[in-house]
Amino acid sequence: MSDSVVLSVGDKHHIRRGKDHIVYAGMLSEKVYSMAQIKQDGYRGYAWNLFFPIGQSDIKIDEVNFSVENVSPKEIRLRLKE
């Protein structure tokens, strides 16, 4: 079973139990978009940006595979791959 996730710019999503959170950070150009990965450790938190080309249909974040269904300057649609 696959789960679909739609994130607007700035929206946060918890990937799954024991995994990090992700945030859609928007498009840097017509060919590149960014996802922020957020790791929390108690009261401390760390975040970094991941950059992907528009043509890449499969991405991996925190060892979790996603299929990119659609990406635009305002939102991204991902499908969690099992």
PDB file of N, CA and C in Angstrom:
ATOM      1  N   MET A   1       0.844  -1.184   0.000  1.00  0.00           N
ATOM      2  CA  MET A   1       0.000   0.000   0.000  1.00  0.00           C
ATOM      3  C   MET A   1       0.889   1.246   0.000  1.00  0.00           C
ATOM      4  N   SER A   2       0.545   2.233  -0.808  1.00  0.00           N
ATOM      5  CA  SER A   2       1.323   3.457  -0.901  1.00  0.00           C
ATOM      6  C   SER A   2       0.541   4.624  -0.331  1.00  0.00           C
ATOM      7  N   ASP A   3       1.259   5.535   0.302  1.00  0.00           N
ATOM      8  CA  ASP A   3       0.654   6.731   0.866  1.00  0.00           C
ATOM      9  C   ASP A   3       1.103   7.941   0.060  1.00  0.00           C
ATOM     10  N   SER A   4       0.159   8.814  -0.259  1.00  0.00           N
ATOM     11  CA  SER A   4       0.458  10.032  -0.996  1.00  0.00           C
ATOM     12  C   SER A   4       0.515  11.199  -0.020  1.00  0.00           C
ATOM     13  N   VAL A   5       1.480  12.093  -0.238  1.00  0.00           N
ATOM     14  CA  VAL A   5       1.677  13.260   0.613  1.00  0.00           C
ATOM     15  C   VAL A   5       1.763  14.486  -0.285  1.00  0.00           C
ATOM     16  N   VAL A   6       0.976  15.516   0.025  1.00  0.00           N
ATOM     17  CA  VAL A   6       1.045  16.788  -0.699  1.00  0.00           C
ATOM     18  C   VAL A   6       1.522  17.843   0.292  1.00  0.00           C
ATOM     19  N   LEU A   7       2.636  18.491  -0.046  1.00  0.00           N
ATOM     20  CA  LEU A   7       3.205  19.523   0.811  1.00  0.00           C
ATOM     21  C   LEU A   7       3.278  20.843   0.067  1.00  0.00           C
ATOM     22  N   SER A   8       2.735  21.893   0.654  1.00  0.00           N
ATOM     23  CA  SER A   8       2.936  23.241   0.134  1.00  0.00           C
ATOM     24  C   SER A   8       4.245  23.763   0.710  1.00  0.00           C
ATOM     25  N   VAL A   9       4.762  24.842   0.167  1.00  0.00           N
ATOM     26  CA  VAL A   9       6.013  25.408   0.670  1.00  0.00           C
ATOM     27  C   VAL A   9       5.858  25.704   2.161  1.00  0.00           C
ATOM     28  N   GLY A  10       6.791  25.169   2.950  1.00  0.00           N
ATOM     29  CA  GLY A  10       6.781  25.384   4.399  1.00  0.00           C
ATOM     30  C   GLY A  10       6.031  24.328   5.184  1.00  0.00           C
ATOM     31  N   ASP A  11       5.273  23.453   4.522  1.00  0.00           N
ATOM     32  CA  ASP A  11       4.544  22.393   5.227  1.00  0.00           C
ATOM     33  C   ASP A  11       5.500  21.318   5.715  1.00  0.00           C
ATOM     34  N   LYS A  12       5.215  20.808   6.911  1.00  0.00           N
ATOM     35  CA  LYS A  12       6.061  19.800   7.546  1.00  0.00           C
ATOM     36  C   LYS A  12       5.329  18.470   7.589  1.00  0.00           C
ATOM     37  N   HIS A  13       6.067  17.368   7.377  1.00  0.00           N
ATOM     38  CA  HIS A  13       5.487  16.027   7.393  1.00  0.00           C
ATOM     39  C   HIS A  13       6.440  15.075   8.104  1.00  0.00           C
ATOM     40  N   HIS A  14       5.903  14.285   9.038  1.00  0.00           N
ATOM     41  CA  HIS A  14       6.708  13.260   9.722  1.00  0.00           C
ATOM     42  C   HIS A  14       6.709  12.028   8.834  1.00  0.00           C
ATOM     43  N   ILE A  15       7.884  11.598   8.385  1.00  0.00           N
ATOM     44  CA  ILE A  15       7.986  10.497   7.435  1.00  0.00           C
ATOM     45  C   ILE A  15       7.342   9.234   8.000  1.00  0.00           C
ATOM     46  N   ARG A  16       7.788   8.809   9.156  1.00  0.00           N
ATOM     47  CA  ARG A  16       7.189   7.676   9.869  1.00  0.00           C
ATOM     48  C   ARG A  16       7.885   7.548  11.215  1.00  0.00           C
ATOM     49  N   ARG A  17       7.328   6.729  12.086  1.00  0.00           N
ATOM     50  CA  ARG A  17       7.880   6.555  13.435  1.00  0.00           C
ATOM     51  C   ARG A  17       9.368   6.192  13.370  1.00  0.00           C
ATOM     52  N   GLY A  18      10.171   6.910  14.167  1.00  0.00           N
ATOM     53  CA  GLY A  18      11.596   6.670  14.190  1.00  0.00           C
ATOM     54  C   GLY A  18      12.370   7.354  13.084  1.00  0.00           C
ATOM     55  N   LYS A  19      11.684   8.084  12.238  1.00  0.00           N
ATOM     56  CA  LYS A  19      12.322   8.783  11.118  1.00  0.00           C
ATOM     57  C   LYS A  19      12.188  10.292  11.297  1.00  0.00           C
ATOM     58  N   ASP A  20      12.832  11.041  10.413  1.00  0.00           N
ATOM     59  CA  ASP A  20      12.846  12.495  10.494  1.00  0.00           C
ATOM     60  C   ASP A  20      11.575  13.121   9.927  1.00  0.00           C
ATOM     61  N   HIS A  21      11.523  14.444  10.034  1.00  0.00           N
ATOM     62  CA  HIS A  21      10.473  15.241   9.410  1.00  0.00           C
ATOM     63  C   HIS A  21      11.045  15.835   8.126  1.00  0.00           C
ATOM     64  N   ILE A  22      10.170  16.132   7.174  1.00  0.00           N
ATOM     65  CA  ILE A  22      10.577  16.812   5.951  1.00  0.00           C
ATOM     66  C   ILE A  22       9.709  18.045   5.749  1.00  0.00           C
ATOM     67  N   VAL A  23      10.266  19.027   5.064  1.00  0.00           N
ATOM     68  CA  VAL A  23       9.561  20.260   4.727  1.00  0.00           C
ATOM     69  C   VAL A  23       9.853  20.564   3.264  1.00  0.00           C
ATOM     70  N   TYR A  24       8.811  20.917   2.500  1.00  0.00           N
ATOM     71  CA  TYR A  24       9.048  21.341   1.127  1.00  0.00           C
ATOM     72  C   TYR A  24       9.544  22.777   1.173  1.00  0.00           C
ATOM     73  N   ALA A  25      10.756  23.007   0.637  1.00  0.00           N
ATOM     74  CA  ALA A  25      11.386  24.320   0.695  1.00  0.00           C
ATOM     75  C   ALA A  25      11.253  25.107  -0.608  1.00  0.00           C
ATOM     76  N   GLY A  26      10.559  24.553  -1.592  1.00  0.00           N
ATOM     77  CA  GLY A  26      10.310  25.288  -2.823  1.00  0.00           C
ATOM     78  C   GLY A  26      11.326  25.008  -3.916  1.00  0.00           C
ATOM     79  N   MET A  27      11.208  25.788  -4.980  1.00  0.00           N
ATOM     80  CA  MET A  27      12.074  25.623  -6.148  1.00  0.00           C
ATOM     81  C   MET A  27      13.103  26.745  -6.194  1.00  0.00           C
ATOM     82  N   LEU A  28      14.362  26.351  -6.367  1.00  0.00           N
ATOM     83  CA  LEU A  28      15.440  27.331  -6.477  1.00  0.00           C
ATOM     84  C   LEU A  28      15.540  27.883  -7.882  1.00  0.00           C
ATOM     85  N   SER A  29      15.154  27.058  -8.849  1.00  0.00           N
ATOM     86  CA  SER A  29      15.142  27.464 -10.247  1.00  0.00           C
ATOM     87  C   SER A  29      14.106  26.597 -10.956  1.00  0.00           C
ATOM     88  N   GLU A  30      13.996  26.745 -12.250  1.00  0.00           N
ATOM     89  CA  GLU A  30      13.035  25.931 -13.001  1.00  0.00           C
ATOM     90  C   GLU A  30      13.422  24.459 -13.015  1.00  0.00           C
ATOM     91  N   LYS A  31      14.669  24.151 -12.682  1.00  0.00           N
ATOM     92  CA  LYS A  31      15.158  22.773 -12.776  1.00  0.00           C
ATOM     93  C   LYS A  31      15.527  22.131 -11.445  1.00  0.00           C
ATOM     94  N   VAL A  32      15.454  22.876 -10.334  1.00  0.00           N
ATOM     95  CA  VAL A  32      15.885  22.354  -9.029  1.00  0.00           C
ATOM     96  C   VAL A  32      14.876  22.724  -7.951  1.00  0.00           C
ATOM     97  N   TYR A  33      14.547  21.746  -7.088  1.00  0.00           N
ATOM     98  CA  TYR A  33      13.701  22.009  -5.923  1.00  0.00           C
ATOM     99  C   TYR A  33      14.417  21.516  -4.677  1.00  0.00           C
ATOM    100  N   SER A  34      13.921  21.933  -3.514  1.00  0.00           N
ATOM    101  CA  SER A  34      14.593  21.616  -2.262  1.00  0.00           C
ATOM    102  C   SER A  34      13.616  21.065  -1.231  1.00  0.00           C
ATOM    103  N   MET A  35      14.097  20.062  -0.495  1.00  0.00           N
ATOM    104  CA  MET A  35      13.391  19.514   0.660  1.00  0.00           C
ATOM    105  C   MET A  35      14.306  19.715   1.861  1.00  0.00           C
ATOM    106  N   ALA A  36      13.755  20.152   2.981  1.00  0.00           N
ATOM    107  CA  ALA A  36      14.538  20.264   4.212  1.00  0.00           C
ATOM    108  C   ALA A  36      14.271  19.024   5.051  1.00  0.00           C
ATOM    109  N   GLN A  37      15.332  18.457   5.599  1.00  0.00           N
ATOM    110  CA  GLN A  37      15.222  17.297   6.483  1.00  0.00           C
ATOM    111  C   GLN A  37      15.496  17.782   7.899  1.00  0.00           C
ATOM    112  N   ILE A  38      14.593  17.477   8.838  1.00  0.00           N
ATOM    113  CA  ILE A  38      14.696  17.956  10.215  1.00  0.00           C
ATOM    114  C   ILE A  38      14.855  16.763  11.148  1.00  0.00           C
ATOM    115  N   LYS A  39      15.903  16.788  11.944  1.00  0.00           N
ATOM    116  CA  LYS A  39      16.160  15.740  12.924  1.00  0.00           C
ATOM    117  C   LYS A  39      16.078  16.373  14.308  1.00  0.00           C
ATOM    118  N   GLN A  40      15.309  15.769  15.201  1.00  0.00           N
ATOM    119  CA  GLN A  40      15.181  16.281  16.561  1.00  0.00           C
ATOM    120  C   GLN A  40      15.845  15.317  17.530  1.00  0.00           C
ATOM    121  N   ASP A  41      16.584  15.888  18.477  1.00  0.00           N
ATOM    122  CA  ASP A  41      17.276  15.108  19.497  1.00  0.00           C
ATOM    123  C   ASP A  41      17.018  15.790  20.837  1.00  0.00           C
ATOM    124  N   GLY A  42      15.945  15.387  21.494  1.00  0.00           N
ATOM    125  CA  GLY A  42      15.574  16.049  22.749  1.00  0.00           C
ATOM    126  C   GLY A  42      15.170  17.485  22.476  1.00  0.00           C
ATOM    127  N   TYR A  43      15.842  18.412  23.156  1.00  0.00           N
ATOM    128  CA  TYR A  43      15.546  19.833  22.969  1.00  0.00           C
ATOM    129  C   TYR A  43      16.303  20.433  21.790  1.00  0.00           C
ATOM    130  N   ARG A  44      17.194  19.674  21.207  1.00  0.00           N
ATOM    131  CA  ARG A  44      17.977  20.167  20.082  1.00  0.00           C
ATOM    132  C   ARG A  44      17.374  19.682  18.765  1.00  0.00           C
ATOM    133  N   GLY A  45      17.538  20.494  17.768  1.00  0.00           N
ATOM    134  CA  GLY A  45      17.078  20.115  16.443  1.00  0.00           C
ATOM    135  C   GLY A  45      18.094  20.523  15.393  1.00  0.00           C
ATOM    136  N   TYR A  46      18.159  19.752  14.338  1.00  0.00           N
ATOM    137  CA  TYR A  46      19.074  20.020  13.239  1.00  0.00           C
ATOM    138  C   TYR A  46      18.280  19.940  11.947  1.00  0.00           C
ATOM    139  N   ALA A  47      18.644  20.766  11.001  1.00  0.00           N
ATOM    140  CA  ALA A  47      17.965  20.742   9.699  1.00  0.00           C
ATOM    141  C   ALA A  47      18.966  21.056   8.598  1.00  0.00           C
ATOM    142  N   TRP A  48      18.737  20.467   7.467  1.00  0.00           N
ATOM    143  CA  TRP A  48      19.578  20.741   6.303  1.00  0.00           C
ATOM    144  C   TRP A  48      18.730  20.601   5.055  1.00  0.00           C
ATOM    145  N   ASN A  49      19.152  21.294   4.010  1.00  0.00           N
ATOM    146  CA  ASN A  49      18.416  21.254   2.745  1.00  0.00           C
ATOM    147  C   ASN A  49      18.999  20.184   1.829  1.00  0.00           C
ATOM    148  N   LEU A  50      18.111  19.494   1.148  1.00  0.00           N
ATOM    149  CA  LEU A  50      18.473  18.523   0.128  1.00  0.00           C
ATOM    150  C   LEU A  50      17.987  19.078  -1.205  1.00  0.00           C
ATOM    151  N   PHE A  51      18.800  19.001  -2.240  1.00  0.00           N
ATOM    152  CA  PHE A  51      18.462  19.571  -3.534  1.00  0.00           C
ATOM    153  C   PHE A  51      18.315  18.444  -4.557  1.00  0.00           C
ATOM    154  N   PHE A  52      17.240  18.524  -5.352  1.00  0.00           N
ATOM    155  CA  PHE A  52      16.942  17.488  -6.339  1.00  0.00           C
ATOM    156  C   PHE A  52      16.622  18.129  -7.681  1.00  0.00           C
ATOM    157  N   PRO A  53      17.043  17.502  -8.777  1.00  0.00           N
ATOM    158  CA  PRO A  53      16.654  17.998 -10.101  1.00  0.00           C
ATOM    159  C   PRO A  53      15.197  17.633 -10.390  1.00  0.00           C
ATOM    160  N   ILE A  54      14.522  18.463 -11.146  1.00  0.00           N
ATOM    161  CA  ILE A  54      13.117  18.249 -11.488  1.00  0.00           C
ATOM    162  C   ILE A  54      12.890  16.888 -12.146  1.00  0.00           C
ATOM    163  N   GLY A  55      13.792  16.442 -12.972  1.00  0.00           N
ATOM    164  CA  GLY A  55      13.607  15.193 -13.712  1.00  0.00           C
ATOM    165  C   GLY A  55      13.774  13.920 -12.894  1.00  0.00           C
ATOM    166  N   GLN A  56      14.235  14.025 -11.652  1.00  0.00           N
ATOM    167  CA  GLN A  56      14.442  12.837 -10.827  1.00  0.00           C
ATOM    168  C   GLN A  56      13.112  12.388 -10.240  1.00  0.00           C
ATOM    169  N   SER A  57      12.657  11.199 -10.629  1.00  0.00           N
ATOM    170  CA  SER A  57      11.324  10.749 -10.212  1.00  0.00           C
ATOM    171  C   SER A  57      11.327   9.980  -8.899  1.00  0.00           C
ATOM    172  N   ASP A  58      12.481   9.483  -8.463  1.00  0.00           N
ATOM    173  CA  ASP A  58      12.586   8.767  -7.190  1.00  0.00           C
ATOM    174  C   ASP A  58      13.636   9.440  -6.324  1.00  0.00           C
ATOM    175  N   ILE A  59      13.272   9.699  -5.045  1.00  0.00           N
ATOM    176  CA  ILE A  59      14.216  10.295  -4.104  1.00  0.00           C
ATOM    177  C   ILE A  59      14.222   9.469  -2.826  1.00  0.00           C
ATOM    178  N   LYS A  60      15.311   9.606  -2.063  1.00  0.00           N
ATOM    179  CA  LYS A  60      15.449   8.893  -0.802  1.00  0.00           C
ATOM    180  C   LYS A  60      15.814   9.898   0.276  1.00  0.00           C
ATOM    181  N   ILE A  61      14.994   9.933   1.354  1.00  0.00           N
ATOM    182  CA  ILE A  61      15.250  10.825   2.474  1.00  0.00           C
ATOM    183  C   ILE A  61      15.176   9.996   3.748  1.00  0.00           C
ATOM    184  N   ASP A  62      16.216  10.036   4.559  1.00  0.00           N
ATOM    185  CA  ASP A  62      16.307   9.270   5.800  1.00  0.00           C
ATOM    186  C   ASP A  62      16.015   7.787   5.573  1.00  0.00           C
ATOM    187  N   GLU A  63      16.609   7.253   4.503  1.00  0.00           N
ATOM    188  CA  GLU A  63      16.462   5.842   4.127  1.00  0.00           C
ATOM    189  C   GLU A  63      15.021   5.444   3.770  1.00  0.00           C
ATOM    190  N   VAL A  64      14.183   6.427   3.460  1.00  0.00           N
ATOM    191  CA  VAL A  64      12.807   6.181   3.032  1.00  0.00           C
ATOM    192  C   VAL A  64      12.698   6.607   1.569  1.00  0.00           C
ATOM    193  N   ASN A  65      12.162   5.738   0.735  1.00  0.00           N
ATOM    194  CA  ASN A  65      12.040   6.007  -0.698  1.00  0.00           C
ATOM    195  C   ASN A  65      10.700   6.654  -1.029  1.00  0.00           C
ATOM    196  N   PHE A  66      10.768   7.684  -1.855  1.00  0.00           N
ATOM    197  CA  PHE A  66       9.583   8.386  -2.332  1.00  0.00           C
ATOM    198  C   PHE A  66       9.591   8.423  -3.847  1.00  0.00           C
ATOM    199  N   SER A  67       8.413   8.404  -4.430  1.00  0.00           N
ATOM    200  CA  SER A  67       8.229   8.650  -5.846  1.00  0.00           C
ATOM    201  C   SER A  67       7.650  10.053  -5.974  1.00  0.00           C
ATOM    202  N   VAL A  68       8.281  10.887  -6.781  1.00  0.00           N
ATOM    203  CA  VAL A  68       7.810  12.265  -6.975  1.00  0.00           C
ATOM    204  C   VAL A  68       6.764  12.245  -8.074  1.00  0.00           C
ATOM    205  N   GLU A  69       5.517  12.540  -7.721  1.00  0.00           N
ATOM    206  CA  GLU A  69       4.427  12.534  -8.701  1.00  0.00           C
ATOM    207  C   GLU A  69       4.299  13.868  -9.412  1.00  0.00           C
ATOM    208  N   ASN A  70       4.524  14.966  -8.672  1.00  0.00           N
ATOM    209  CA  ASN A  70       4.394  16.299  -9.262  1.00  0.00           C
ATOM    210  C   ASN A  70       5.143  17.290  -8.384  1.00  0.00           C
ATOM    211  N   VAL A  71       5.794  18.259  -9.004  1.00  0.00           N
ATOM    212  CA  VAL A  71       6.451  19.321  -8.247  1.00  0.00           C
ATOM    213  C   VAL A  71       6.217  20.644  -8.970  1.00  0.00           C
ATOM    214  N   SER A  72       5.872  21.662  -8.196  1.00  0.00           N
ATOM    215  CA  SER A  72       5.647  23.004  -8.728  1.00  0.00           C
ATOM    216  C   SER A  72       6.242  23.998  -7.738  1.00  0.00           C
ATOM    217  N   PRO A  73       6.310  25.275  -8.091  1.00  0.00           N
ATOM    218  CA  PRO A  73       6.845  26.253  -7.143  1.00  0.00           C
ATOM    219  C   PRO A  73       6.050  26.337  -5.841  1.00  0.00           C
ATOM    220  N   LYS A  74       4.775  25.961  -5.868  1.00  0.00           N
ATOM    221  CA  LYS A  74       3.932  26.087  -4.678  1.00  0.00           C
ATOM    222  C   LYS A  74       3.770  24.801  -3.874  1.00  0.00           C
ATOM    223  N   GLU A  75       3.888  23.613  -4.530  1.00  0.00           N
ATOM    224  CA  GLU A  75       3.688  22.364  -3.795  1.00  0.00           C
ATOM    225  C   GLU A  75       4.380  21.186  -4.470  1.00  0.00           C
ATOM    226  N   ILE A  76       4.497  20.124  -3.682  1.00  0.00           N
ATOM    227  CA  ILE A  76       5.060  18.877  -4.178  1.00  0.00           C
ATOM    228  C   ILE A  76       4.141  17.733  -3.767  1.00  0.00           C
ATOM    229  N   ARG A  77       3.997  16.745  -4.665  1.00  0.00           N
ATOM    230  CA  ARG A  77       3.194  15.553  -4.374  1.00  0.00           C
ATOM    231  C   ARG A  77       4.134  14.354  -4.410  1.00  0.00           C
ATOM    232  N   LEU A  78       4.227  13.671  -3.269  1.00  0.00           N
ATOM    233  CA  LEU A  78       5.105  12.515  -3.125  1.00  0.00           C
ATOM    234  C   LEU A  78       4.276  11.276  -2.818  1.00  0.00           C
ATOM    235  N   ARG A  79       4.772  10.128  -3.230  1.00  0.00           N
ATOM    236  CA  ARG A  79       4.152   8.858  -2.865  1.00  0.00           C
ATOM    237  C   ARG A  79       5.210   8.009  -2.160  1.00  0.00           C
ATOM    238  N   LEU A  80       4.878   7.591  -0.947  1.00  0.00           N
ATOM    239  CA  LEU A  80       5.770   6.749  -0.161  1.00  0.00           C
ATOM    240  C   LEU A  80       5.838   5.368  -0.803  1.00  0.00           C
ATOM    241  N   LYS A  81       7.055   4.912  -1.090  1.00  0.00           N
ATOM    242  CA  LYS A  81       7.233   3.608  -1.711  1.00  0.00           C
ATOM    243  C   LYS A  81       7.523   2.574  -0.624  1.00  0.00           C
ATOM    244  N   GLU A  82       6.871   1.459  -0.713  1.00  0.00           N
ATOM    245  CA  GLU A  82       7.074   0.383   0.279  1.00  0.00           C
ATOM    246  C   GLU A  82       8.168  -0.533  -0.170  1.00  0.00           C
TER     247      GLU A  82
END
